[in-house]
C-alpha atoms as a PDB file:
ATOM      1  CA  MET A   1     109.268 106.684 127.672  1.00  0.00           C
ATOM      2  CA  SER A   2     108.861 110.212 126.365  1.00  0.00           C
ATOM      3  CA  ILE A   3     106.987 111.049 123.157  1.00  0.00           C
ATOM      4  CA  ALA A   4     106.412 114.445 121.551  1.00  0.00           C
ATOM      5  CA  ILE A   5     103.456 115.240 119.318  1.00  0.00           C
ATOM      6  CA  VAL A   6     103.698 118.117 116.852  1.00  0.00           C
ATOM      7  CA  GLY A   7     100.224 119.529 116.286  1.00  0.00           C
ATOM      8  CA  GLY A   8      97.344 119.949 118.711  1.00  0.00           C
ATOM      9  CA  SER A   9      94.554 118.914 116.350  1.00  0.00           C
ATOM     10  CA  ILE A  10      91.912 116.309 117.177  1.00  0.00           C
ATOM     11  CA  ALA A  11      94.280 113.632 115.882  1.00  0.00           C
ATOM     12  CA  GLY A  12      97.151 114.988 117.959  1.00  0.00           C
ATOM     13  CA  LEU A  13      95.154 115.304 121.176  1.00  0.00           C
ATOM     14  CA  SER A  14      93.488 111.908 120.830  1.00  0.00           C
ATOM     15  CA  ALA A  15      96.938 110.388 120.301  1.00  0.00           C
ATOM     16  CA  ALA A  16      98.193 112.175 123.412  1.00  0.00           C
ATOM     17  CA  THR A  17      95.217 110.840 125.372  1.00  0.00           C
ATOM     18  CA  VAL A  18      95.800 107.175 124.553  1.00  0.00           C
ATOM     19  CA  LEU A  19      99.560 107.355 125.099  1.00  0.00           C
ATOM     20  CA  LEU A  20      99.102 109.013 128.489  1.00  0.00           C
ATOM     21  CA  ARG A  21      96.731 106.194 129.441  1.00  0.00           C
ATOM     22  CA  LEU A  22      99.618 103.792 128.774  1.00  0.00           C
ATOM     23  CA  GLY A  23     101.822 105.708 131.196  1.00  0.00           C
ATOM     24  CA  ILE A  24     103.930 107.384 128.518  1.00  0.00           C
ATOM     25  CA  ASN A  25     105.150 110.939 129.082  1.00  0.00           C
ATOM     26  CA  VAL A  26     103.649 113.105 126.335  1.00  0.00           C
ATOM     27  CA  THR A  27     104.259 116.696 125.273  1.00  0.00           C
ATOM     28  CA  VAL A  28     102.199 118.333 122.526  1.00  0.00           C
ATOM     29  CA  PHE A  29     103.675 121.285 120.622  1.00  0.00           C
ATOM     30  CA  GLU A  30     101.055 123.502 118.954  1.00  0.00           C
ATOM     31  CA  LYS A  31     102.120 126.513 116.899  1.00  0.00           C
ATOM     32  CA  TYR A  32      98.881 128.453 117.469  1.00  0.00           C
ATOM     33  CA  SER A  33      98.773 130.573 120.586  1.00  0.00           C
ATOM     34  CA  GLY A  34      95.588 129.281 122.176  1.00  0.00           C
ATOM     35  CA  SER A  35      92.616 126.966 122.319  1.00  0.00           C
ATOM     36  CA  PHE A  36      90.725 125.694 119.267  1.00  0.00           C
ATOM     37  CA  ALA A  37      87.486 125.475 121.286  1.00  0.00           C
ATOM     38  CA  ASN A  38      85.896 128.323 119.325  1.00  0.00           C
ATOM     39  CA  ARG A  39      87.271 127.444 115.906  1.00  0.00           C
ATOM     40  CA  GLY A  40      86.500 125.231 112.968  1.00  0.00           C
ATOM     41  CA  SER A  41      83.500 124.046 111.028  1.00  0.00           C
ATOM     42  CA  SER A  42      81.096 121.126 111.356  1.00  0.00           C
ATOM     43  CA  LEU A  43      81.401 117.358 111.301  1.00  0.00           C
ATOM     44  CA  GLY A  44      78.452 115.187 110.406  1.00  0.00           C
ATOM     45  CA  PHE A  45      79.862 111.915 111.721  1.00  0.00           C
ATOM     46  CA  VAL A  46      81.572 111.056 115.004  1.00  0.00           C
ATOM     47  CA  ASP A  47      82.008 107.526 116.336  1.00  0.00           C
ATOM     48  CA  ILE A  48      80.934 108.353 119.886  1.00  0.00           C
ATOM     49  CA  GLY A  49      81.544 104.825 121.146  1.00  0.00           C
ATOM     50  CA  LEU A  50      85.128 104.827 119.879  1.00  0.00           C
ATOM     51  CA  TRP A  51      85.862 108.252 121.330  1.00  0.00           C
ATOM     52  CA  GLU A  52      84.484 107.297 124.734  1.00  0.00           C
ATOM     53  CA  GLN A  53      86.437 104.044 124.683  1.00  0.00           C
ATOM     54  CA  LEU A  54      89.731 105.760 123.855  1.00  0.00           C
ATOM     55  CA  LYS A  55      89.285 108.491 126.445  1.00  0.00           C
ATOM     56  CA  GLY A  56      87.612 106.336 129.089  1.00  0.00           C
ATOM     57  CA  LYS A  57      84.986 108.997 129.650  1.00  0.00           C
ATOM     58  CA  GLN A  58      81.421 109.693 128.567  1.00  0.00           C
ATOM     59  CA  MET A  59      80.908 112.329 125.885  1.00  0.00           C
ATOM     60  CA  LEU A  60      78.251 114.863 126.804  1.00  0.00           C
ATOM     61  CA  ARG A  61      76.564 117.515 124.692  1.00  0.00           C
ATOM     62  CA  ARG A  62      74.709 120.241 126.530  1.00  0.00           C
ATOM     63  CA  GLY A  63      74.764 118.091 129.646  1.00  0.00           C
ATOM     64  CA  ARG A  64      73.328 114.982 127.982  1.00  0.00           C
ATOM     65  CA  GLN A  65      74.746 111.895 126.301  1.00  0.00           C
ATOM     66  CA  ALA A  66      76.149 112.959 122.946  1.00  0.00           C
ATOM     67  CA  HIS A  67      74.175 111.823 119.907  1.00  0.00           C
ATOM     68  CA  ARG A  68      73.824 112.873 116.286  1.00  0.00           C
ATOM     69  CA  TYR A  69      70.096 113.597 116.705  1.00  0.00           C
ATOM     70  CA  GLN A  70      71.088 116.694 118.704  1.00  0.00           C
ATOM     71  CA  GLY A  71      72.604 118.140 115.537  1.00  0.00           C
ATOM     72  CA  ALA A  72      75.879 117.915 113.664  1.00  0.00           C
ATOM     73  CA  TYR A  73      79.060 118.392 115.668  1.00  0.00           C
ATOM     74  CA  TYR A  74      81.147 121.552 116.002  1.00  0.00           C
ATOM     75  CA  TYR A  75      84.888 121.068 115.546  1.00  0.00           C
ATOM     76  CA  GLY A  76      85.746 123.261 118.522  1.00  0.00           C
ATOM     77  CA  ASP A  77      83.564 121.211 120.879  1.00  0.00           C
ATOM     78  CA  LEU A  78      85.089 117.960 119.657  1.00  0.00           C
ATOM     79  CA  TRP A  79      88.571 119.373 120.063  1.00  0.00           C
ATOM     80  CA  ASN A  80      87.696 120.410 123.611  1.00  0.00           C
ATOM     81  CA  PHE A  81      86.514 116.876 124.442  1.00  0.00           C
ATOM     82  CA  TRP A  82      90.090 115.682 124.029  1.00  0.00           C
ATOM     83  CA  TYR A  83      91.814 118.757 125.415  1.00  0.00           C
ATOM     84  CA  SER A  84      89.761 118.908 128.610  1.00  0.00           C
ATOM     85  CA  GLY A  85      91.050 115.525 129.764  1.00  0.00           C
ATOM     86  CA  LEU A  86      94.756 116.258 129.397  1.00  0.00           C
ATOM     87  CA  PRO A  87      96.964 117.134 132.381  1.00  0.00           C
ATOM     88  CA  GLU A  88      97.708 120.835 132.623  1.00  0.00           C
ATOM     89  CA  GLY A  89     100.777 121.778 130.645  1.00  0.00           C
ATOM     90  CA  THR A  90     100.610 118.812 128.275  1.00  0.00           C
ATOM     91  CA  VAL A  91      99.945 121.137 125.334  1.00  0.00           C
ATOM     92  CA  LYS A  92     102.491 123.888 124.765  1.00  0.00           C
ATOM     93  CA  PHE A  93     100.705 126.555 122.735  1.00  0.00           C
ATOM     94  CA  GLY A  94     102.639 129.016 120.611  1.00  0.00           C
ATOM     95  CA  GLU A  95     105.438 126.492 120.059  1.00  0.00           C
ATOM     96  CA  GLU A  96     106.191 125.995 116.373  1.00  0.00           C
ATOM     97  CA  VAL A  97     108.461 123.068 115.563  1.00  0.00           C
ATOM     98  CA  THR A  98     110.411 123.359 112.322  1.00  0.00           C
ATOM     99  CA  ASP A  99     113.201 120.842 112.861  1.00  0.00           C
ATOM    100  CA  LEU A 100     113.680 117.430 114.487  1.00  0.00           C
ATOM    101  CA  GLY A 101     117.434 117.185 114.173  1.00  0.00           C
ATOM    102  CA  ASP A 102     119.513 115.052 111.845  1.00  0.00           C
ATOM    103  CA  ASP A 103     118.753 111.545 113.138  1.00  0.00           C
ATOM    104  CA  PRO A 104     115.211 110.126 112.732  1.00  0.00           C
ATOM    105  CA  MET A 105     116.099 107.528 115.363  1.00  0.00           C
ATOM    106  CA  LYS A 106     116.775 110.327 117.852  1.00  0.00           C
ATOM    107  CA  PRO A 107     114.243 113.063 117.023  1.00  0.00           C
ATOM    108  CA  THR A 108     115.030 116.278 118.854  1.00  0.00           C
ATOM    109  CA  ILE A 109     112.907 119.304 119.743  1.00  0.00           C
ATOM    110  CA  ASN A 110     114.406 122.356 121.425  1.00  0.00           C
ATOM    111  CA  GLY A 111     117.495 120.374 122.335  1.00  0.00           C
ATOM    112  CA  GLN A 112     115.598 117.493 123.948  1.00  0.00           C
ATOM    113  CA  VAL A 113     115.803 114.026 122.446  1.00  0.00           C
ATOM    114  CA  TYR A 114     112.478 112.154 122.452  1.00  0.00           C
ATOM    115  CA  ASP A 115     111.960 108.424 122.183  1.00  0.00           C
ATOM    116  CA  ALA A 116     109.555 109.155 119.324  1.00  0.00           C
ATOM    117  CA  VAL A 117     107.908 112.136 117.654  1.00  0.00           C
ATOM    118  CA  ILE A 118     104.421 112.004 116.156  1.00  0.00           C
ATOM    119  CA  LEU A 119     103.597 114.481 113.401  1.00  0.00           C
ATOM    120  CA  ALA A 120      99.972 115.626 113.571  1.00  0.00           C
ATOM    121  CA  ASP A 121     100.658 119.021 112.037  1.00  0.00           C
ATOM    122  CA  GLY A 122      98.183 118.867 109.178  1.00  0.00           C
ATOM    123  CA  GLY A 123      98.001 118.147 105.482  1.00  0.00           C
ATOM    124  CA  TRP A 124     100.527 120.874 104.709  1.00  0.00           C
ATOM    125  CA  SER A 125     103.130 119.566 107.145  1.00  0.00           C
ATOM    126  CA  THR A 126     106.626 120.810 106.355  1.00  0.00           C
ATOM    127  CA  LEU A 127     108.155 118.269 108.726  1.00  0.00           C
ATOM    128  CA  ARG A 128     106.560 115.442 106.752  1.00  0.00           C
ATOM    129  CA  GLU A 129     108.354 116.579 103.625  1.00  0.00           C
ATOM    130  CA  LYS A 130     111.605 116.925 105.516  1.00  0.00           C
ATOM    131  CA  TYR A 131     111.581 113.591 107.351  1.00  0.00           C
ATOM    132  CA  ILE A 132     109.019 111.160 105.904  1.00  0.00           C
ATOM    133  CA  THR A 133     108.087 111.702 102.256  1.00  0.00           C
ATOM    134  CA  ASP A 134     108.346 114.407  99.618  1.00  0.00           C
ATOM    135  CA  LYS A 135     104.917 113.513  98.246  1.00  0.00           C
ATOM    136  CA  LYS A 136     102.680 116.591  98.166  1.00  0.00           C
ATOM    137  CA  PRO A 137      98.917 117.149  98.349  1.00  0.00           C
ATOM    138  CA  ASP A 138      97.218 117.301  94.967  1.00  0.00           C
ATOM    139  CA  TYR A 139      94.402 119.586  93.960  1.00  0.00           C
ATOM    140  CA  SER A 140      91.018 117.866  93.843  1.00  0.00           C
ATOM    141  CA  GLY A 141      89.625 120.011  91.042  1.00  0.00           C
ATOM    142  CA  HIS A 142      87.106 121.921  93.103  1.00  0.00           C
ATOM    143  CA  ILE A 143      86.591 124.630  95.686  1.00  0.00           C
ATOM    144  CA  ILE A 144      84.232 124.489  98.643  1.00  0.00           C
ATOM    145  CA  TYR A 145      82.213 127.596  99.435  1.00  0.00           C
ATOM    146  CA  ARG A 146      81.679 127.180 103.185  1.00  0.00           C
ATOM    147  CA  CYS A 147      78.556 128.833 104.588  1.00  0.00           C
ATOM    148  CA  LYS A 148      77.759 129.613 108.214  1.00  0.00           C
ATOM    149  CA  VAL A 149      74.579 131.269 109.518  1.00  0.00           C
ATOM    150  CA  LEU A 150      73.244 131.518 113.064  1.00  0.00           C
ATOM    151  CA  LYS A 151      70.019 129.555 113.444  1.00  0.00           C
ATOM    152  CA  SER A 152      68.561 132.584 115.226  1.00  0.00           C
ATOM    153  CA  ASP A 153      69.017 134.512 111.958  1.00  0.00           C
ATOM    154  CA  PHE A 154      67.065 131.852 110.048  1.00  0.00           C
ATOM    155  CA  PRO A 155      64.773 130.257 112.664  1.00  0.00           C
ATOM    156  CA  ASN A 156      62.431 128.684 110.104  1.00  0.00           C
ATOM    157  CA  PHE A 157      65.167 126.648 108.437  1.00  0.00           C
ATOM    158  CA  ASP A 158      64.186 122.968 108.469  1.00  0.00           C
ATOM    159  CA  SER A 159      65.939 121.641 105.374  1.00  0.00           C
ATOM    160  CA  GLU A 160      69.028 119.858 106.711  1.00  0.00           C
ATOM    161  CA  SER A 161      70.111 117.647 103.847  1.00  0.00           C
ATOM    162  CA  ALA A 162      72.604 116.955 101.092  1.00  0.00           C
ATOM    163  CA  TYR A 163      71.653 118.313  97.665  1.00  0.00           C
ATOM    164  CA  MET A 164      72.812 117.398  94.175  1.00  0.00           C
ATOM    165  CA  SER A 165      72.321 119.400  91.005  1.00  0.00           C
ATOM    166  CA  PRO A 166      70.167 117.715  88.330  1.00  0.00           C
ATOM    167  CA  ASP A 167      73.310 116.696  86.411  1.00  0.00           C
ATOM    168  CA  GLN A 168      74.912 115.320  89.630  1.00  0.00           C
ATOM    169  CA  LYS A 169      77.969 117.559  89.175  1.00  0.00           C
ATOM    170  CA  TYR A 170      77.375 120.165  91.865  1.00  0.00           C
ATOM    171  CA  PHE A 171      76.860 119.356  95.503  1.00  0.00           C
ATOM    172  CA  SER A 172      75.635 121.249  98.543  1.00  0.00           C
ATOM    173  CA  ILE A 173      75.042 120.287 102.145  1.00  0.00           C
ATOM    174  CA  ALA A 174      73.379 122.165 104.995  1.00  0.00           C
ATOM    175  CA  LEU A 175      73.623 120.892 108.567  1.00  0.00           C
ATOM    176  CA  ASN A 176      72.061 121.996 111.830  1.00  0.00           C
ATOM    177  CA  VAL A 177      75.041 122.312 114.163  1.00  0.00           C
ATOM    178  CA  ALA A 178      74.549 122.312 117.929  1.00  0.00           C
ATOM    179  CA  LEU A 179      77.333 123.907 119.976  1.00  0.00           C
ATOM    180  CA  ASP A 180      77.814 122.884 123.585  1.00  0.00           C
ATOM    181  CA  ASP A 181      77.320 126.477 124.727  1.00  0.00           C
ATOM    182  CA  GLY A 182      73.730 126.419 123.436  1.00  0.00           C
ATOM    183  CA  THR A 183      74.367 128.246 120.173  1.00  0.00           C
ATOM    184  CA  ASP A 184      72.880 126.749 117.012  1.00  0.00           C
ATOM    185  CA  TYR A 185      74.241 127.288 113.513  1.00  0.00           C
ATOM    186  CA  ILE A 186      73.408 126.170 110.016  1.00  0.00           C
ATOM    187  CA  MET A 187      76.739 125.173 108.453  1.00  0.00           C
ATOM    188  CA  GLY A 188      77.752 123.518 105.237  1.00  0.00           C
ATOM    189  CA  GLY A 189      78.663 124.628 101.783  1.00  0.00           C
ATOM    190  CA  VAL A 190      78.627 124.283  98.022  1.00  0.00           C
ATOM    191  CA  THR A 191      81.185 122.379  95.957  1.00  0.00           C
ATOM    192  CA  VAL A 192      82.121 123.967  92.621  1.00  0.00           C
ATOM    193  CA  GLY A 193      84.671 122.701  90.114  1.00  0.00           C
ATOM    194  CA  ALA A 194      87.430 125.210  89.423  1.00  0.00           C
ATOM    195  CA  PRO A 195      90.762 125.266  87.573  1.00  0.00           C
ATOM    196  CA  GLU A 196      93.872 124.995  89.691  1.00  0.00           C
ATOM    197  CA  GLU A 197      94.907 128.588  88.992  1.00  0.00           C
ATOM    198  CA  ASP A 198      91.781 129.688  90.889  1.00  0.00           C
ATOM    199  CA  ALA A 199      92.785 127.497  93.821  1.00  0.00           C
ATOM    200  CA  ILE A 200      96.402 128.625  94.027  1.00  0.00           C
ATOM    201  CA  ALA A 201      95.440 132.085  95.276  1.00  0.00           C
ATOM    202  CA  LEU A 202      93.537 130.437  98.144  1.00  0.00           C
ATOM    203  CA  LYS A 203      96.103 127.744  98.886  1.00  0.00           C
ATOM    204  CA  PRO A 204      96.803 127.320 102.624  1.00  0.00           C
ATOM    205  CA  THR A 205     100.099 128.397 104.105  1.00  0.00           C
ATOM    206  CA  ALA A 206     102.714 125.835 105.084  1.00  0.00           C
ATOM    207  CA  ALA A 207     101.716 123.692 108.071  1.00  0.00           C
ATOM    208  CA  ALA A 208      98.214 125.218 108.084  1.00  0.00           C
ATOM    209  CA  ASN A 209      95.372 123.615 110.038  1.00  0.00           C
ATOM    210  CA  ARG A 210      92.439 123.604 107.629  1.00  0.00           C
ATOM    211  CA  GLN A 211      89.931 123.688 110.499  1.00  0.00           C
ATOM    212  CA  VAL A 212      91.565 126.762 112.003  1.00  0.00           C
ATOM    213  CA  GLU A 213      92.791 128.775 109.008  1.00  0.00           C
ATOM    214  CA  TRP A 214      90.127 129.831 106.546  1.00  0.00           C
ATOM    215  CA  VAL A 215      92.409 131.714 104.229  1.00  0.00           C
ATOM    216  CA  ASP A 216      89.813 133.560 102.178  1.00  0.00           C
ATOM    217  CA  ASP A 217      88.490 137.091 102.386  1.00  0.00           C
ATOM    218  CA  PRO A 218      84.724 136.718 102.937  1.00  0.00           C
ATOM    219  CA  ASN A 219      84.137 139.772 100.741  1.00  0.00           C
ATOM    220  CA  SER A 220      85.783 138.203  97.704  1.00  0.00           C
ATOM    221  CA  VAL A 221      83.051 135.750  96.676  1.00  0.00           C
ATOM    222  CA  PRO A 222      82.700 136.102  92.883  1.00  0.00           C
ATOM    223  CA  LYS A 223      79.657 137.904  91.515  1.00  0.00           C
ATOM    224  CA  TRP A 224      78.552 134.853  89.537  1.00  0.00           C
ATOM    225  CA  PHE A 225      78.218 132.668  92.647  1.00  0.00           C
ATOM    226  CA  LEU A 226      74.711 133.557  93.846  1.00  0.00           C
ATOM    227  CA  PRO A 227      73.145 133.496  90.355  1.00  0.00           C
ATOM    228  CA  PHE A 228      74.786 130.102  89.855  1.00  0.00           C
ATOM    229  CA  VAL A 229      73.331 128.810  93.135  1.00  0.00           C
ATOM    230  CA  LYS A 230      69.855 130.019  92.183  1.00  0.00           C
ATOM    231  CA  ARG A 231      70.034 128.371  88.760  1.00  0.00           C
ATOM    232  CA  THR A 232      71.459 125.124  90.083  1.00  0.00           C
ATOM    233  CA  PHE A 233      69.551 124.655  93.343  1.00  0.00           C
ATOM    234  CA  GLY A 234      66.584 126.970  92.748  1.00  0.00           C
ATOM    235  CA  GLN A 235      64.027 124.277  93.544  1.00  0.00           C
ATOM    236  CA  HIS A 236      65.359 124.167  97.131  1.00  0.00           C
ATOM    237  CA  LYS A 237      64.178 127.537  98.401  1.00  0.00           C
ATOM    238  CA  GLN A 238      65.477 127.298 101.973  1.00  0.00           C
ATOM    239  CA  LEU A 239      68.888 126.144 100.783  1.00  0.00           C
ATOM    240  CA  VAL A 240      69.160 129.144  98.466  1.00  0.00           C
ATOM    241  CA  GLU A 241      67.959 131.529 101.168  1.00  0.00           C
ATOM    242  CA  TRP A 242      70.533 130.142 103.613  1.00  0.00           C
ATOM    243  CA  ILE A 243      73.343 130.649 101.097  1.00  0.00           C
ATOM    244  CA  GLU A 244      72.100 134.184 100.382  1.00  0.00           C
ATOM    245  CA  LYS A 245      72.310 134.970 104.095  1.00  0.00           C
ATOM    246  CA  ALA A 246      75.857 133.641 104.167  1.00  0.00           C
ATOM    247  CA  VAL A 247      76.885 135.778 101.199  1.00  0.00           C
ATOM    248  CA  ASN A 248      75.005 138.994 101.980  1.00  0.00           C
ATOM    249  CA  GLY A 249      74.907 138.774 105.762  1.00  0.00           C
ATOM    250  CA  PRO A 250      74.341 138.289 108.574  1.00  0.00           C
ATOM    251  CA  GLY A 251      76.172 135.000 107.994  1.00  0.00           C
ATOM    252  CA  LYS A 252      79.646 134.230 106.703  1.00  0.00           C
ATOM    253  CA  ILE A 253      81.047 132.562 103.602  1.00  0.00           C
ATOM    254  CA  THR A 254      84.615 131.589 102.798  1.00  0.00           C
ATOM    255  CA  ARG A 255      86.191 129.674  99.942  1.00  0.00           C
ATOM    256  CA  GLN A 256      88.484 126.742 100.543  1.00  0.00           C
ATOM    257  CA  PRO A 257      90.214 124.836  97.746  1.00  0.00           C
ATOM    258  CA  LEU A 258      90.195 121.126  98.441  1.00  0.00           C
ATOM    259  CA  TYR A 259      93.468 119.256  98.275  1.00  0.00           C
ATOM    260  CA  GLU A 260      93.846 115.525  98.828  1.00  0.00           C
ATOM    261  CA  PHE A 261      96.745 113.539 100.216  1.00  0.00           C
ATOM    262  CA  GLY A 262      97.619 109.967 101.060  1.00  0.00           C
ATOM    263  CA  ALA A 263     101.087 109.260 102.418  1.00  0.00           C
ATOM    264  CA  ASP A 264     103.197 106.585 100.719  1.00  0.00           C
ATOM    265  CA  ARG A 265     104.852 105.896 104.069  1.00  0.00           C
ATOM    266  CA  VAL A 266     103.839 106.889 107.610  1.00  0.00           C
ATOM    267  CA  THR A 267     107.020 106.258 109.587  1.00  0.00           C
ATOM    268  CA  ASN A 268     110.731 106.912 109.322  1.00  0.00           C
ATOM    269  CA  GLY A 269     112.874 105.787 112.198  1.00  0.00           C
ATOM    270  CA  ARG A 270     111.043 107.017 115.266  1.00  0.00           C
ATOM    271  CA  ILE A 271     108.999 109.670 113.499  1.00  0.00           C
ATOM    272  CA  ILE A 272     105.324 108.857 112.854  1.00  0.00           C
ATOM    273  CA  LEU A 273     102.614 110.505 110.717  1.00  0.00           C
ATOM    274  CA  ILE A 274      98.974 110.671 111.838  1.00  0.00           C
ATOM    275  CA  GLY A 275      95.836 112.670 111.009  1.00  0.00           C
ATOM    276  CA  ASP A 276      95.813 115.070 108.071  1.00  0.00           C
ATOM    277  CA  ALA A 277      99.596 114.841 107.913  1.00  0.00           C
ATOM    278  CA  ALA A 278      99.085 111.242 106.752  1.00  0.00           C
ATOM    279  CA  HIS A 279      95.771 111.561 104.920  1.00  0.00           C
ATOM    280  CA  MET A 280      93.795 114.613 103.814  1.00  0.00           C
ATOM    281  CA  ALA A 281      90.407 113.937 102.253  1.00  0.00           C
ATOM    282  CA  SER A 282      87.243 115.495 100.908  1.00  0.00           C
ATOM    283  CA  PRO A 283      84.682 116.379 103.594  1.00  0.00           C
ATOM    284  CA  SER A 284      82.229 114.369 101.491  1.00  0.00           C
ATOM    285  CA  THR A 285      83.883 111.195 102.772  1.00  0.00           C
ATOM    286  CA  ALA A 286      82.752 112.159 106.307  1.00  0.00           C
ATOM    287  CA  ALA A 287      85.836 110.270 107.451  1.00  0.00           C
ATOM    288  CA  GLY A 288      88.742 112.711 107.769  1.00  0.00           C
ATOM    289  CA  ALA A 289      88.583 113.399 111.507  1.00  0.00           C
ATOM    290  CA  HIS A 290      87.320 109.865 112.110  1.00  0.00           C
ATOM    291  CA  THR A 291      90.394 108.376 110.449  1.00  0.00           C
ATOM    292  CA  GLY A 292      92.601 110.627 112.567  1.00  0.00           C
ATOM    293  CA  VAL A 293      91.027 109.141 115.693  1.00  0.00           C
ATOM    294  CA  LEU A 294      91.449 105.665 114.202  1.00  0.00           C
ATOM    295  CA  ASP A 295      95.145 106.537 114.007  1.00  0.00           C
ATOM    296  CA  ALA A 296      95.069 107.171 117.759  1.00  0.00           C
ATOM    297  CA  ALA A 297      93.388 103.801 118.246  1.00  0.00           C
ATOM    298  CA  GLY A 298      96.150 102.254 116.133  1.00  0.00           C
ATOM    299  CA  LEU A 299      98.802 103.858 118.335  1.00  0.00           C
ATOM    300  CA  LEU A 300      97.066 102.521 121.435  1.00  0.00           C
ATOM    301  CA  GLN A 301      96.998  99.004 120.053  1.00  0.00           C
ATOM    302  CA  ALA A 302     100.614  99.071 118.859  1.00  0.00           C
ATOM    303  CA  PHE A 303     102.108 100.591 122.008  1.00  0.00           C
ATOM    304  CA  ALA A 304      99.980  98.401 124.287  1.00  0.00           C
ATOM    305  CA  THR A 305     101.117  95.291 122.411  1.00  0.00           C
ATOM    306  CA  PHE A 306     104.792  96.240 122.452  1.00  0.00           C
ATOM    307  CA  GLN A 307     105.301  98.049 125.736  1.00  0.00           C
ATOM    308  CA  GLY A 308     108.450  99.645 127.085  1.00  0.00           C
ATOM    309  CA  ILE A 309     111.353 101.518 125.577  1.00  0.00           C
ATOM    310  CA  ASP A 310     113.045  98.284 124.470  1.00  0.00           C
ATOM    311  CA  ASN A 311     110.082  97.506 122.207  1.00  0.00           C
ATOM    312  CA  ILE A 312     109.389 100.958 120.810  1.00  0.00           C
ATOM    313  CA  ASP A 313     110.697 100.130 117.340  1.00  0.00           C
ATOM    314  CA  LEU A 314     108.419  97.087 117.207  1.00  0.00           C
ATOM    315  CA  ALA A 315     105.485  99.271 118.253  1.00  0.00           C
ATOM    316  CA  ILE A 316     106.240 101.784 115.500  1.00  0.00           C
ATOM    317  CA  LYS A 317     106.590  99.006 112.933  1.00  0.00           C
ATOM    318  CA  GLU A 318     103.246  97.563 114.044  1.00  0.00           C
ATOM    319  CA  TYR A 319     101.575 100.974 113.823  1.00  0.00           C
ATOM    320  CA  SER A 320     102.965 101.531 110.334  1.00  0.00           C
ATOM    321  CA  LYS A 321     100.994  98.603 108.879  1.00  0.00           C
ATOM    322  CA  GLY A 322      97.567  99.917 109.799  1.00  0.00           C
ATOM    323  CA  GLY A 323      98.534 103.574 109.486  1.00  0.00           C
ATOM    324  CA  LEU A 324      99.631 103.203 105.871  1.00  0.00           C
ATOM    325  CA  LYS A 325      96.561 101.124 105.029  1.00  0.00           C
ATOM    326  CA  ARG A 326      94.234 103.792 106.446  1.00  0.00           C
ATOM    327  CA  ALA A 327      96.028 106.566 104.552  1.00  0.00           C
ATOM    328  CA  ARG A 328      95.800 104.712 101.254  1.00  0.00           C
ATOM    329  CA  GLU A 329      92.165 103.717 101.686  1.00  0.00           C
ATOM    330  CA  LEU A 330      90.983 107.197 102.663  1.00  0.00           C
ATOM    331  CA  TYR A 331      92.913 108.778  99.797  1.00  0.00           C
ATOM    332  CA  ALA A 332      91.331 106.358  97.323  1.00  0.00           C
ATOM    333  CA  ARG A 333      87.891 106.996  98.777  1.00  0.00           C
ATOM    334  CA  SER A 334      88.384 110.757  98.568  1.00  0.00           C
ATOM    335  CA  LYS A 335      89.447 110.512  94.919  1.00  0.00           C
ATOM    336  CA  GLN A 336      86.355 108.473  94.163  1.00  0.00           C
ATOM    337  CA  VAL A 337      84.016 110.908  95.900  1.00  0.00           C
ATOM    338  CA  SER A 338      85.545 114.072  94.455  1.00  0.00           C
ATOM    339  CA  GLN A 339      85.783 112.788  90.890  1.00  0.00           C
ATOM    340  CA  ARG A 340      82.212 113.772  90.021  1.00  0.00           C
ATOM    341  CA  HIS A 341      82.823 117.385  91.117  1.00  0.00           C
ATOM    342  CA  ARG A 342      86.195 117.796  89.432  1.00  0.00           C
ATOM    343  CA  TYR A 343      86.699 120.769  87.128  1.00  0.00           C
ATOM    344  CA  ILE A 344      86.579 120.077  83.392  1.00  0.00           C
ATOM    345  CA  PRO A 345      87.613 122.837  80.957  1.00  0.00           C
ATOM    346  CA  GLY A 346      84.461 124.634  79.919  1.00  0.00           C
ATOM    347  CA  ASP A 347      82.735 124.290  83.292  1.00  0.00           C
ATOM    348  CA  GLU A 348      83.043 128.029  83.788  1.00  0.00           C
ATOM    349  CA  LEU A 349      80.476 128.470  81.006  1.00  0.00           C
ATOM    350  CA  ILE A 350      78.024 126.587  83.204  1.00  0.00           C
ATOM    351  CA  TYR A 351      78.529 128.366  86.513  1.00  0.00           C
ATOM    352  CA  ASN A 352      79.579 131.697  85.009  1.00  0.00           C
ATOM    353  CA  PRO A 353      77.896 131.950  81.593  1.00  0.00           C
ATOM    354  CA  PRO A 354      78.768 134.899  79.337  1.00  0.00           C
ATOM    355  CA  THR A 355      76.323 137.771  79.157  1.00  0.00           C
ATOM    356  CA  ALA A 356      74.346 138.479  76.001  1.00  0.00           C
ATOM    357  CA  LYS A 357      76.688 141.395  75.287  1.00  0.00           C
ATOM    358  CA  GLU A 358      79.757 139.153  75.667  1.00  0.00           C
ATOM    359  CA  VAL A 359      78.244 136.568  73.319  1.00  0.00           C
ATOM    360  CA  GLU A 360      77.434 139.280  70.763  1.00  0.00           C
ATOM    361  CA  HIS A 361      80.976 140.658  70.992  1.00  0.00           C
ATOM    362  CA  SER A 362      82.534 137.199  70.548  1.00  0.00           C
ATOM    363  CA  GLU A 363      80.542 136.672  67.351  1.00  0.00           C
ATOM    364  CA  LEU A 364      81.729 139.880  65.707  1.00  0.00           C
END
């Protein structure tokens, strides 16, 4: 049996791992030209036991058993956990797939017919729209200002936490992130409600990987942002200082509009959706990457239960049940979490109040 996976994300590589363990021939097509080991942001939750079970190998961080007490996780390190166990040549970098042929029962890539194709090409998958569903991601009503500062540039920082504004509308989180190479960062961000027209300019490109492509210019943070942070979170001095370092240097800040998605179907013929291509959620759920790995676990269960090429359609049907349930549940959870931060007309007067001169002019 031969299966292709489009997209070398954590979901795609974990799926490749479990299918290879079942003796299935797997090829991963990734449009980016190289490794993701030095890319991405932070993850606060990883089910280490599940990951080790699926890969059949211990997860180490800095030479020791991986654990959350070491710090939050870096996307690039987690990606490398899956990539490092794959046979050489499994992942074909720089290979963008834009078409699977005309027959979903015989998906084709570069002239080769595969027994199945798994789409793990992100929340902005163009193949999903072409072959599975025309449902599109919807704007959550807010933008995340992602902040990243080296711990060595703020060595006294000891305020890892989640923060809410007094009115519970605005949210910030700061995490100590421990990279496997020994580097420590403080990563996180601030969630601010914004109208959709503000988000459109920052909208990811088609088939973008949101962990790899931060589409914003770090120099374009609006002038009102820091004063807003100081007014809203001023009682948390280290949090404010960390954000200042991200905005003014030596750190980095980028804006990312948050879109949400939950597929209304996850299979068509022998084409399967997993990961962000099936479900894209708010980071506040702490379950986006986790659900992608649960998709891999679902593939393992389905293809182990119905083994062999003669049973592949039964395996896909079995996967579809749990895959669709996960997509719906995560989407609903994301909507629930993001509701409190959603933009309401007039919010701009809170985070970007008019100056005294503007008020005077408006009253003339």
